PDB file of N, CA and C in Angstrom:
ATOM      1  N   MET A   1     168.133  52.763 110.841  1.00  0.00           N
ATOM      2  CA  MET A   1     169.470  53.206 110.436  1.00  0.00           C
ATOM      3  C   MET A   1     170.100  52.186 109.743  1.00  0.00           C
ATOM      4  N   SER A   2     170.622  51.607 108.972  1.00  0.00           N
ATOM      5  CA  SER A   2     172.073  50.578 109.120  1.00  0.00           C
ATOM      6  C   SER A   2     172.922  51.208 109.069  1.00  0.00           C
ATOM      7  N   ASP A   3     174.152  50.896 109.009  1.00  0.00           N
ATOM      8  CA  ASP A   3     175.304  50.450 108.593  1.00  0.00           C
ATOM      9  C   ASP A   3     176.216  50.373 107.353  1.00  0.00           C
ATOM     10  N   PRO A   4     176.438  51.462 106.891  1.00  0.00           N
ATOM     11  CA  PRO A   4     176.853  51.067 105.343  1.00  0.00           C
ATOM     12  C   PRO A   4     177.150  50.138 105.287  1.00  0.00           C
ATOM     13  N   LYS A   5     177.162  49.120 104.363  1.00  0.00           N
ATOM     14  CA  LYS A   5     177.959  48.529 103.507  1.00  0.00           C
ATOM     15  C   LYS A   5     178.234  47.792 102.553  1.00  0.00           C
ATOM     16  N   SER A   6     178.975  47.313 101.665  1.00  0.00           N
ATOM     17  CA  SER A   6     178.945  47.137 100.344  1.00  0.00           C
ATOM     18  C   SER A   6     178.936  45.895  99.900  1.00  0.00           C
ATOM     19  N   LEU A   7     178.066  45.341  98.363  1.00  0.00           N
ATOM     20  CA  LEU A   7     177.942  44.033  97.939  1.00  0.00           C
ATOM     21  C   LEU A   7     179.062  43.416  98.217  1.00  0.00           C
ATOM     22  N   GLU A   8     180.688  43.861  97.962  1.00  0.00           N
ATOM     23  CA  GLU A   8     181.437  43.083  97.991  1.00  0.00           C
ATOM     24  C   GLU A   8     181.110  41.906  99.168  1.00  0.00           C
ATOM     25  N   GLU A   9     180.479  43.551 100.771  1.00  0.00           N
ATOM     26  CA  GLU A   9     180.288  42.356 101.998  1.00  0.00           C
ATOM     27  C   GLU A   9     180.110  41.670 102.016  1.00  0.00           C
ATOM     28  N   VAL A  10     178.427  41.886 101.986  1.00  0.00           N
ATOM     29  CA  VAL A  10     177.486  40.739 101.826  1.00  0.00           C
ATOM     30  C   VAL A  10     177.552  39.702 100.692  1.00  0.00           C
ATOM     31  N   PHE A  11     177.505  39.989  99.225  1.00  0.00           N
ATOM     32  CA  PHE A  11     178.079  38.523  99.060  1.00  0.00           C
ATOM     33  C   PHE A  11     179.599  37.531 100.156  1.00  0.00           C
ATOM     34  N   ALA A  12     180.315  37.966 100.306  1.00  0.00           N
ATOM     35  CA  ALA A  12     181.618  37.421 100.883  1.00  0.00           C
ATOM     36  C   ALA A  12     180.984  36.187 102.028  1.00  0.00           C
ATOM     37  N   GLY A  13     179.737  37.110 102.599  1.00  0.00           N
ATOM     38  CA  GLY A  13     179.520  36.345 104.209  1.00  0.00           C
ATOM     39  C   GLY A  13     177.675  35.069 103.259  1.00  0.00           C
ATOM     40  N   ILE A  14     177.696  35.153 102.243  1.00  0.00           N
ATOM     41  CA  ILE A  14     177.272  34.280 101.839  1.00  0.00           C
ATOM     42  C   ILE A  14     177.938  32.460 101.504  1.00  0.00           C
ATOM     43  N   ASP A  15     177.008  31.616 102.364  1.00  0.00           N
ATOM     44  CA  ASP A  15     177.941  30.131 101.768  1.00  0.00           C
ATOM     45  C   ASP A  15     177.115  29.512 100.599  1.00  0.00           C
ATOM     46  N   GLU A  16     175.583  29.305 100.551  1.00  0.00           N
ATOM     47  CA  GLU A  16     175.082  28.602 100.315  1.00  0.00           C
ATOM     48  C   GLU A  16     174.413  29.263  99.381  1.00  0.00           C
ATOM     49  N   TYR A  17     174.212  28.723  98.424  1.00  0.00           N
ATOM     50  CA  TYR A  17     173.024  29.023  96.769  1.00  0.00           C
ATOM     51  C   TYR A  17     171.998  28.679  97.334  1.00  0.00           C
ATOM     52  N   PHE A  18     171.582  29.635  96.640  1.00  0.00           N
ATOM     53  CA  PHE A  18     169.632  29.925  96.787  1.00  0.00           C
ATOM     54  C   PHE A  18     169.351  29.883  97.719  1.00  0.00           C
ATOM     55  N   SER A  19     170.178  30.498  98.877  1.00  0.00           N
ATOM     56  CA  SER A  19     170.223  31.089 100.240  1.00  0.00           C
ATOM     57  C   SER A  19     169.993  32.211 100.609  1.00  0.00           C
ATOM     58  N   PRO A  20     169.240  33.184  99.806  1.00  0.00           N
ATOM     59  CA  PRO A  20     168.768  34.846 100.094  1.00  0.00           C
ATOM     60  C   PRO A  20     169.211  35.429 101.317  1.00  0.00           C
ATOM     61  N   VAL A  21     169.878  36.599 101.406  1.00  0.00           N
ATOM     62  CA  VAL A  21     170.029  36.982 102.448  1.00  0.00           C
ATOM     63  C   VAL A  21     169.304  38.098 102.378  1.00  0.00           C
ATOM     64  N   THR A  22     168.502  38.355 103.182  1.00  0.00           N
ATOM     65  CA  THR A  22     168.138  39.599 103.276  1.00  0.00           C
ATOM     66  C   THR A  22     168.927  41.027 103.708  1.00  0.00           C
ATOM     67  N   ILE A  23     168.700  42.112 102.493  1.00  0.00           N
ATOM     68  CA  ILE A  23     169.940  43.260 103.012  1.00  0.00           C
ATOM     69  C   ILE A  23     168.805  44.096 103.640  1.00  0.00           C
ATOM     70  N   ASP A  24     167.785  44.622 102.888  1.00  0.00           N
ATOM     71  CA  ASP A  24     166.873  46.117 103.839  1.00  0.00           C
ATOM     72  C   ASP A  24     165.740  45.472 102.993  1.00  0.00           C
ATOM     73  N   ARG A  25     164.331  46.305 103.343  1.00  0.00           N
ATOM     74  CA  ARG A  25     163.017  45.882 103.063  1.00  0.00           C
ATOM     75  C   ARG A  25     162.905  47.998 102.773  1.00  0.00           C
ATOM     76  N   VAL A  26     161.956  47.175 101.496  1.00  0.00           N
ATOM     77  CA  VAL A  26     161.539  48.526 100.713  1.00  0.00           C
ATOM     78  C   VAL A  26     159.401  48.591 100.435  1.00  0.00           C
ATOM     79  N   GLY A  27     159.894  49.284 101.694  1.00  0.00           N
ATOM     80  CA  GLY A  27     158.291  49.124 101.405  1.00  0.00           C
ATOM     81  C   GLY A  27     157.958  47.524 101.568  1.00  0.00           C
ATOM     82  N   ASP A  28     156.701  47.205 100.828  1.00  0.00           N
ATOM     83  CA  ASP A  28     156.401  46.033 101.095  1.00  0.00           C
ATOM     84  C   ASP A  28     156.812  44.309 100.793  1.00  0.00           C
ATOM     85  N   LEU A  29     158.315  44.888 100.021  1.00  0.00           N
ATOM     86  CA  LEU A  29     159.270  44.163  99.390  1.00  0.00           C
ATOM     87  C   LEU A  29     160.849  44.341  99.426  1.00  0.00           C
ATOM     88  N   ASN A  30     161.432  42.934  99.226  1.00  0.00           N
ATOM     89  CA  ASN A  30     162.729  42.643 100.102  1.00  0.00           C
ATOM     90  C   ASN A  30     163.589  42.216  99.497  1.00  0.00           C
ATOM     91  N   VAL A  31     165.224  43.260 100.042  1.00  0.00           N
ATOM     92  CA  VAL A  31     166.159  43.523  98.963  1.00  0.00           C
ATOM     93  C   VAL A  31     166.723  42.894  99.719  1.00  0.00           C
ATOM     94  N   ASN A  32     167.722  41.442  98.664  1.00  0.00           N
ATOM     95  CA  ASN A  32     168.219  40.675  98.734  1.00  0.00           C
ATOM     96  C   ASN A  32     168.920  40.446  98.466  1.00  0.00           C
ATOM     97  N   CYS A  33     170.262  39.822  98.815  1.00  0.00           N
ATOM     98  CA  CYS A  33     171.510  39.155  98.123  1.00  0.00           C
ATOM     99  C   CYS A  33     171.775  37.769  97.658  1.00  0.00           C
ATOM    100  N   SER A  34     171.470  36.949  97.227  1.00  0.00           N
ATOM    101  CA  SER A  34     171.975  35.601  96.964  1.00  0.00           C
ATOM    102  C   SER A  34     173.118  35.350  95.383  1.00  0.00           C
ATOM    103  N   LYS A  35     173.794  34.000  95.513  1.00  0.00           N
ATOM    104  CA  LYS A  35     174.501  33.198  95.444  1.00  0.00           C
ATOM    105  C   LYS A  35     173.477  32.001  94.635  1.00  0.00           C
ATOM    106  N   VAL A  36     174.043  32.177  93.386  1.00  0.00           N
ATOM    107  CA  VAL A  36     172.915  30.889  92.668  1.00  0.00           C
ATOM    108  C   VAL A  36     174.020  30.185  91.712  1.00  0.00           C
ATOM    109  N   LYS A  37     173.231  29.069  91.547  1.00  0.00           N
ATOM    110  CA  LYS A  37     174.336  27.755  90.722  1.00  0.00           C
ATOM    111  C   LYS A  37     173.475  26.780  90.665  1.00  0.00           C
ATOM    112  N   GLY A  38     172.978  26.357  90.052  1.00  0.00           N
ATOM    113  CA  GLY A  38     172.142  25.049  89.160  1.00  0.00           C
ATOM    114  C   GLY A  38     170.842  26.084  87.888  1.00  0.00           C
ATOM    115  N   LEU A  39     170.028  25.493  89.530  1.00  0.00           N
ATOM    116  CA  LEU A  39     168.370  26.176  88.176  1.00  0.00           C
ATOM    117  C   LEU A  39     166.910  25.635  90.288  1.00  0.00           C
ATOM    118  N   TYR A  40     166.794  26.778  89.888  1.00  0.00           N
ATOM    119  CA  TYR A  40     166.358  26.336  90.958  1.00  0.00           C
ATOM    120  C   TYR A  40     164.810  27.012  90.295  1.00  0.00           C
ATOM    121  N   HIS A  41     163.885  26.327  90.932  1.00  0.00           N
ATOM    122  CA  HIS A  41     162.351  26.021  90.874  1.00  0.00           C
ATOM    123  C   HIS A  41     160.948  26.971  90.084  1.00  0.00           C
ATOM    124  N   TRP A  42     160.251  26.834  89.296  1.00  0.00           N
ATOM    125  CA  TRP A  42     159.306  27.893  88.670  1.00  0.00           C
ATOM    126  C   TRP A  42     158.809  28.002  90.043  1.00  0.00           C
ATOM    127  N   HIS A  43     158.767  29.718  89.390  1.00  0.00           N
ATOM    128  CA  HIS A  43     157.315  30.113  90.436  1.00  0.00           C
ATOM    129  C   HIS A  43     156.813  31.197  90.199  1.00  0.00           C
ATOM    130  N   ARG A  44     156.188  32.262  90.839  1.00  0.00           N
ATOM    131  CA  ARG A  44     155.837  33.511  90.511  1.00  0.00           C
ATOM    132  C   ARG A  44     154.860  34.192  91.545  1.00  0.00           C
ATOM    133  N   HIS A  45     154.796  35.751  91.886  1.00  0.00           N
ATOM    134  CA  HIS A  45     154.502  36.709  92.675  1.00  0.00           C
ATOM    135  C   HIS A  45     153.951  37.061  91.933  1.00  0.00           C
ATOM    136  N   ASP A  46     152.853  37.336  93.039  1.00  0.00           N
ATOM    137  CA  ASP A  46     151.233  38.031  92.444  1.00  0.00           C
ATOM    138  C   ASP A  46     150.966  39.362  92.634  1.00  0.00           C
ATOM    139  N   SER A  47     152.055  39.608  93.723  1.00  0.00           N
ATOM    140  CA  SER A  47     151.742  40.760  94.320  1.00  0.00           C
ATOM    141  C   SER A  47     152.949  41.816  94.172  1.00  0.00           C
ATOM    142  N   ALA A  48     153.667  42.007  93.065  1.00  0.00           N
ATOM    143  CA  ALA A  48     154.389  43.072  92.831  1.00  0.00           C
ATOM    144  C   ALA A  48     156.014  42.171  91.537  1.00  0.00           C
ATOM    145  N   GLU A  49     155.970  42.895  90.810  1.00  0.00           N
ATOM    146  CA  GLU A  49     157.402  42.696  89.937  1.00  0.00           C
ATOM    147  C   GLU A  49     158.431  42.397  91.253  1.00  0.00           C
ATOM    148  N   GLU A  50     159.307  41.878  90.004  1.00  0.00           N
ATOM    149  CA  GLU A  50     160.738  40.923  90.467  1.00  0.00           C
ATOM    150  C   GLU A  50     161.346  42.400  90.172  1.00  0.00           C
ATOM    151  N   PHE A  51     162.583  42.337  90.955  1.00  0.00           N
ATOM    152  CA  PHE A  51     164.673  42.922  90.350  1.00  0.00           C
ATOM    153  C   PHE A  51     165.106  42.512  90.479  1.00  0.00           C
ATOM    154  N   PHE A  52     166.416  41.621  88.971  1.00  0.00           N
ATOM    155  CA  PHE A  52     167.256  41.337  89.166  1.00  0.00           C
ATOM    156  C   PHE A  52     168.518  42.064  88.778  1.00  0.00           C
ATOM    157  N   TYR A  53     169.255  42.376  89.510  1.00  0.00           N
ATOM    158  CA  TYR A  53     170.091  43.154  89.016  1.00  0.00           C
ATOM    159  C   TYR A  53     171.884  42.138  89.538  1.00  0.00           C
ATOM    160  N   ILE A  54     172.327  41.448  88.387  1.00  0.00           N
ATOM    161  CA  ILE A  54     173.922  41.096  88.088  1.00  0.00           C
ATOM    162  C   ILE A  54     174.451  41.733  88.410  1.00  0.00           C
ATOM    163  N   HIS A  55     175.170  41.037  89.775  1.00  0.00           N
ATOM    164  CA  HIS A  55     176.210  41.743  90.625  1.00  0.00           C
ATOM    165  C   HIS A  55     178.042  40.978  89.632  1.00  0.00           C
ATOM    166  N   LYS A  56     178.151  39.983  89.876  1.00  0.00           N
ATOM    167  CA  LYS A  56     179.218  38.849  89.207  1.00  0.00           C
ATOM    168  C   LYS A  56     178.171  38.064  88.227  1.00  0.00           C
ATOM    169  N   GLY A  57     178.979  37.374  87.625  1.00  0.00           N
ATOM    170  CA  GLY A  57     178.564  36.088  86.142  1.00  0.00           C
ATOM    171  C   GLY A  57     177.336  36.121  86.078  1.00  0.00           C
ATOM    172  N   THR A  58     176.570  35.491  85.062  1.00  0.00           N
ATOM    173  CA  THR A  58     175.538  35.206  84.529  1.00  0.00           C
ATOM    174  C   THR A  58     174.712  33.879  85.342  1.00  0.00           C
ATOM    175  N   LEU A  59     173.723  35.020  84.685  1.00  0.00           N
ATOM    176  CA  LEU A  59     172.560  33.839  85.372  1.00  0.00           C
ATOM    177  C   LEU A  59     171.178  33.793  83.609  1.00  0.00           C
ATOM    178  N   THR A  60     170.248  33.406  84.125  1.00  0.00           N
ATOM    179  CA  THR A  60     169.639  32.986  83.298  1.00  0.00           C
ATOM    180  C   THR A  60     168.415  33.355  83.462  1.00  0.00           C
ATOM    181  N   ILE A  61     167.059  33.707  83.053  1.00  0.00           N
ATOM    182  CA  ILE A  61     165.851  34.032  83.670  1.00  0.00           C
ATOM    183  C   ILE A  61     165.076  32.891  83.236  1.00  0.00           C
ATOM    184  N   HIS A  62     164.275  32.667  83.076  1.00  0.00           N
ATOM    185  CA  HIS A  62     163.294  30.860  81.666  1.00  0.00           C
ATOM    186  C   HIS A  62     162.275  32.019  82.288  1.00  0.00           C
ATOM    187  N   TYR A  63     161.389  31.632  80.955  1.00  0.00           N
ATOM    188  CA  TYR A  63     159.574  32.445  80.662  1.00  0.00           C
ATOM    189  C   TYR A  63     159.869  30.823  80.357  1.00  0.00           C
ATOM    190  N   GLN A  64     158.253  30.732  80.358  1.00  0.00           N
ATOM    191  CA  GLN A  64     157.413  29.572  79.519  1.00  0.00           C
ATOM    192  C   GLN A  64     157.445  29.373  77.929  1.00  0.00           C
ATOM    193  N   ASP A  65     158.288  31.236  77.604  1.00  0.00           N
ATOM    194  CA  ASP A  65     158.200  31.104  76.110  1.00  0.00           C
ATOM    195  C   ASP A  65     159.292  31.732  75.766  1.00  0.00           C
ATOM    196  N   ARG A  66     160.222  31.956  76.633  1.00  0.00           N
ATOM    197  CA  ARG A  66     161.736  33.085  75.978  1.00  0.00           C
ATOM    198  C   ARG A  66     162.875  32.457  77.349  1.00  0.00           C
ATOM    199  N   ASP A  67     163.766  32.902  77.016  1.00  0.00           N
ATOM    200  CA  ASP A  67     164.793  32.464  78.270  1.00  0.00           C
ATOM    201  C   ASP A  67     165.278  34.527  77.879  1.00  0.00           C
ATOM    202  N   VAL A  68     165.632  35.189  78.429  1.00  0.00           N
ATOM    203  CA  VAL A  68     166.764  36.199  79.399  1.00  0.00           C
ATOM    204  C   VAL A  68     168.370  35.832  80.021  1.00  0.00           C
ATOM    205  N   VAL A  69     168.897  36.881  79.024  1.00  0.00           N
ATOM    206  CA  VAL A  69     170.294  36.160  79.575  1.00  0.00           C
ATOM    207  C   VAL A  69     170.509  37.266  80.177  1.00  0.00           C
ATOM    208  N   LEU A  70     171.688  37.825  81.321  1.00  0.00           N
ATOM    209  CA  LEU A  70     171.787  38.562  82.426  1.00  0.00           C
ATOM    210  C   LEU A  70     173.564  38.032  82.419  1.00  0.00           C
ATOM    211  N   GLU A  71     174.020  39.412  82.412  1.00  0.00           N
ATOM    212  CA  GLU A  71     175.960  39.547  82.702  1.00  0.00           C
ATOM    213  C   GLU A  71     175.586  40.365  83.357  1.00  0.00           C
ATOM    214  N   LYS A  72     177.111  40.361  84.401  1.00  0.00           N
ATOM    215  CA  LYS A  72     177.590  41.631  85.300  1.00  0.00           C
ATOM    216  C   LYS A  72     177.310  43.590  84.947  1.00  0.00           C
ATOM    217  N   GLY A  73     176.726  43.776  85.922  1.00  0.00           N
ATOM    218  CA  GLY A  73     175.976  44.900  85.386  1.00  0.00           C
ATOM    219  C   GLY A  73     175.128  45.156  84.340  1.00  0.00           C
ATOM    220  N   GLN A  74     173.959  44.048  84.398  1.00  0.00           N
ATOM    221  CA  GLN A  74     172.973  44.119  83.660  1.00  0.00           C
ATOM    222  C   GLN A  74     171.758  43.928  84.640  1.00  0.00           C
ATOM    223  N   PHE A  75     170.760  44.234  84.306  1.00  0.00           N
ATOM    224  CA  PHE A  75     169.600  44.030  85.137  1.00  0.00           C
ATOM    225  C   PHE A  75     168.265  43.804  84.313  1.00  0.00           C
ATOM    226  N   HIS A  76     166.945  43.098  85.163  1.00  0.00           N
ATOM    227  CA  HIS A  76     165.680  43.112  83.855  1.00  0.00           C
ATOM    228  C   HIS A  76     164.246  42.732  85.673  1.00  0.00           C
ATOM    229  N   ASN A  77     163.431  43.495  85.208  1.00  0.00           N
ATOM    230  CA  ASN A  77     162.421  43.734  85.770  1.00  0.00           C
ATOM    231  C   ASN A  77     161.350  42.170  85.320  1.00  0.00           C
ATOM    232  N   VAL A  78     161.325  40.631  86.124  1.00  0.00           N
ATOM    233  CA  VAL A  78     159.795  40.008  85.694  1.00  0.00           C
ATOM    234  C   VAL A  78     158.794  40.840  86.358  1.00  0.00           C
ATOM    235  N   PRO A  79     158.261  40.968  85.416  1.00  0.00           N
ATOM    236  CA  PRO A  79     156.074  40.920  85.887  1.00  0.00           C
ATOM    237  C   PRO A  79     155.743  39.875  86.678  1.00  0.00           C
ATOM    238  N   LYS A  80     154.904  41.567  87.228  1.00  0.00           N
ATOM    239  CA  LYS A  80     153.622  40.434  88.147  1.00  0.00           C
ATOM    240  C   LYS A  80     153.381  39.781  87.992  1.00  0.00           C
ATOM    241  N   GLY A  81     153.753  38.262  88.282  1.00  0.00           N
ATOM    242  CA  GLY A  81     152.280  37.405  88.016  1.00  0.00           C
ATOM    243  C   GLY A  81     153.059  36.472  86.783  1.00  0.00           C
ATOM    244  N   ALA A  82     154.114  36.608  86.161  1.00  0.00           N
ATOM    245  CA  ALA A  82     154.999  35.982  85.265  1.00  0.00           C
ATOM    246  C   ALA A  82     155.548  34.394  86.228  1.00  0.00           C
ATOM    247  N   VAL A  83     155.048  33.585  85.444  1.00  0.00           N
ATOM    248  CA  VAL A  83     155.899  32.538  86.031  1.00  0.00           C
ATOM    249  C   VAL A  83     157.100  32.300  85.334  1.00  0.00           C
ATOM    250  N   HIS A  84     158.139  32.131  86.254  1.00  0.00           N
ATOM    251  CA  HIS A  84     159.433  32.088  85.973  1.00  0.00           C
ATOM    252  C   HIS A  84     160.738  31.090  86.332  1.00  0.00           C
ATOM    253  N   ARG A  85     161.880  31.339  86.314  1.00  0.00           N
ATOM    254  CA  ARG A  85     162.835  30.047  87.256  1.00  0.00           C
ATOM    255  C   ARG A  85     164.299  30.828  86.465  1.00  0.00           C
ATOM    256  N   THR A  86     165.281  30.322  87.762  1.00  0.00           N
ATOM    257  CA  THR A  86     166.685  31.568  87.410  1.00  0.00           C
ATOM    258  C   THR A  86     167.668  29.905  87.641  1.00  0.00           C
ATOM    259  N   SER A  87     168.327  30.388  86.168  1.00  0.00           N
ATOM    260  CA  SER A  87     168.968  29.141  86.960  1.00  0.00           C
ATOM    261  C   SER A  87     170.669  30.214  86.593  1.00  0.00           C
ATOM    262  N   SER A  88     171.688  28.953  86.488  1.00  0.00           N
ATOM    263  CA  SER A  88     173.368  29.677  86.656  1.00  0.00           C
ATOM    264  C   SER A  88     174.829  28.770  86.628  1.00  0.00           C
ATOM    265  N   GLU A  89     174.741  28.294  85.042  1.00  0.00           N
ATOM    266  CA  GLU A  89     175.431  27.368  85.373  1.00  0.00           C
ATOM    267  C   GLU A  89     176.562  27.556  85.580  1.00  0.00           C
ATOM    268  N   ASP A  90     177.890  28.545  85.523  1.00  0.00           N
ATOM    269  CA  ASP A  90     178.653  28.674  86.818  1.00  0.00           C
ATOM    270  C   ASP A  90     178.948  29.442  88.246  1.00  0.00           C
ATOM    271  N   GLY A  91     177.595  29.746  88.110  1.00  0.00           N
ATOM    272  CA  GLY A  91     177.322  30.732  89.722  1.00  0.00           C
ATOM    273  C   GLY A  91     177.035  32.418  89.404  1.00  0.00           C
ATOM    274  N   ALA A  92     176.672  32.427  90.248  1.00  0.00           N
ATOM    275  CA  ALA A  92     175.691  33.787  89.687  1.00  0.00           C
ATOM    276  C   ALA A  92     175.615  34.724  91.429  1.00  0.00           C
ATOM    277  N   GLU A  93     176.333  35.910  91.200  1.00  0.00           N
ATOM    278  CA  GLU A  93     175.980  36.854  93.263  1.00  0.00           C
ATOM    279  C   GLU A  93     174.962  37.730  92.374  1.00  0.00           C
ATOM    280  N   VAL A  94     173.658  37.163  92.554  1.00  0.00           N
ATOM    281  CA  VAL A  94     172.041  38.422  92.114  1.00  0.00           C
ATOM    282  C   VAL A  94     171.770  39.057  93.365  1.00  0.00           C
ATOM    283  N   PHE A  95     171.687  40.652  92.558  1.00  0.00           N
ATOM    284  CA  PHE A  95     170.858  41.351  93.701  1.00  0.00           C
ATOM    285  C   PHE A  95     169.753  41.768  93.647  1.00  0.00           C
ATOM    286  N   PHE A  96     168.131  41.209  94.081  1.00  0.00           N
ATOM    287  CA  PHE A  96     167.486  41.553  93.891  1.00  0.00           C
ATOM    288  C   PHE A  96     166.234  41.889  94.684  1.00  0.00           C
ATOM    289  N   ILE A  97     164.717  42.357  94.325  1.00  0.00           N
ATOM    290  CA  ILE A  97     164.056  43.203  94.953  1.00  0.00           C
ATOM    291  C   ILE A  97     162.689  41.710  94.743  1.00  0.00           C
ATOM    292  N   SER A  98     162.596  41.725  95.828  1.00  0.00           N
ATOM    293  CA  SER A  98     161.069  40.768  95.422  1.00  0.00           C
ATOM    294  C   SER A  98     159.883  40.129  96.694  1.00  0.00           C
ATOM    295  N   PRO A  99     158.759  40.623  96.363  1.00  0.00           N
ATOM    296  CA  PRO A  99     157.480  40.411  96.843  1.00  0.00           C
ATOM    297  C   PRO A  99     157.858  39.858  98.459  1.00  0.00           C
ATOM    298  N   ASP A 100     157.397  39.351  98.540  1.00  0.00           N
ATOM    299  CA  ASP A 100     156.844  37.617 100.086  1.00  0.00           C
ATOM    300  C   ASP A 100     156.605  36.789 100.031  1.00  0.00           C
ATOM    301  N   ASP A 101     155.697  36.785  98.424  1.00  0.00           N
ATOM    302  CA  ASP A 101     154.579  36.081  97.945  1.00  0.00           C
ATOM    303  C   ASP A 101     155.281  35.423  97.195  1.00  0.00           C
ATOM    304  N   TRP A 102     155.722  33.797  96.717  1.00  0.00           N
ATOM    305  CA  TRP A 102     156.978  33.221  95.818  1.00  0.00           C
ATOM    306  C   TRP A 102     155.926  31.399  96.372  1.00  0.00           C
ATOM    307  N   ILE A 103     154.717  31.342  95.207  1.00  0.00           N
ATOM    308  CA  ILE A 103     154.278  31.119  94.764  1.00  0.00           C
ATOM    309  C   ILE A 103     154.651  29.750  93.379  1.00  0.00           C
ATOM    310  N   GLU A 104     154.751  28.071  94.245  1.00  0.00           N
ATOM    311  CA  GLU A 104     155.329  27.487  93.269  1.00  0.00           C
ATOM    312  C   GLU A 104     154.687  27.220  92.874  1.00  0.00           C
ATOM    313  N   VAL A 105     154.845  27.044  91.329  1.00  0.00           N
ATOM    314  CA  VAL A 105     153.706  26.403  90.094  1.00  0.00           C
ATOM    315  C   VAL A 105     154.508  24.493  89.395  1.00  0.00           C
TER     316      VAL A 105
END
């Protein structure tokens, strides 16, 4: 069991964009924090859904047929197997839960 920490503490320790820090695991899923700025690559997760919560900033989740824009305090669940990528023009702090299988497409 780990000592309590705040998201502020975790994000303060992240220096690089798109370098997720795994803060815990729930079953087979990683509980992550990441700073995001710019555009990430297209990928999918076949084993489970992926959950995003925006701690600060704005994040866009791009699907092949639409975009979902999330702002501070909002969350979104990416369906299992959905091809997607993320981007943030001005930067965002993102809490997300994801499986280990990152399949680039």
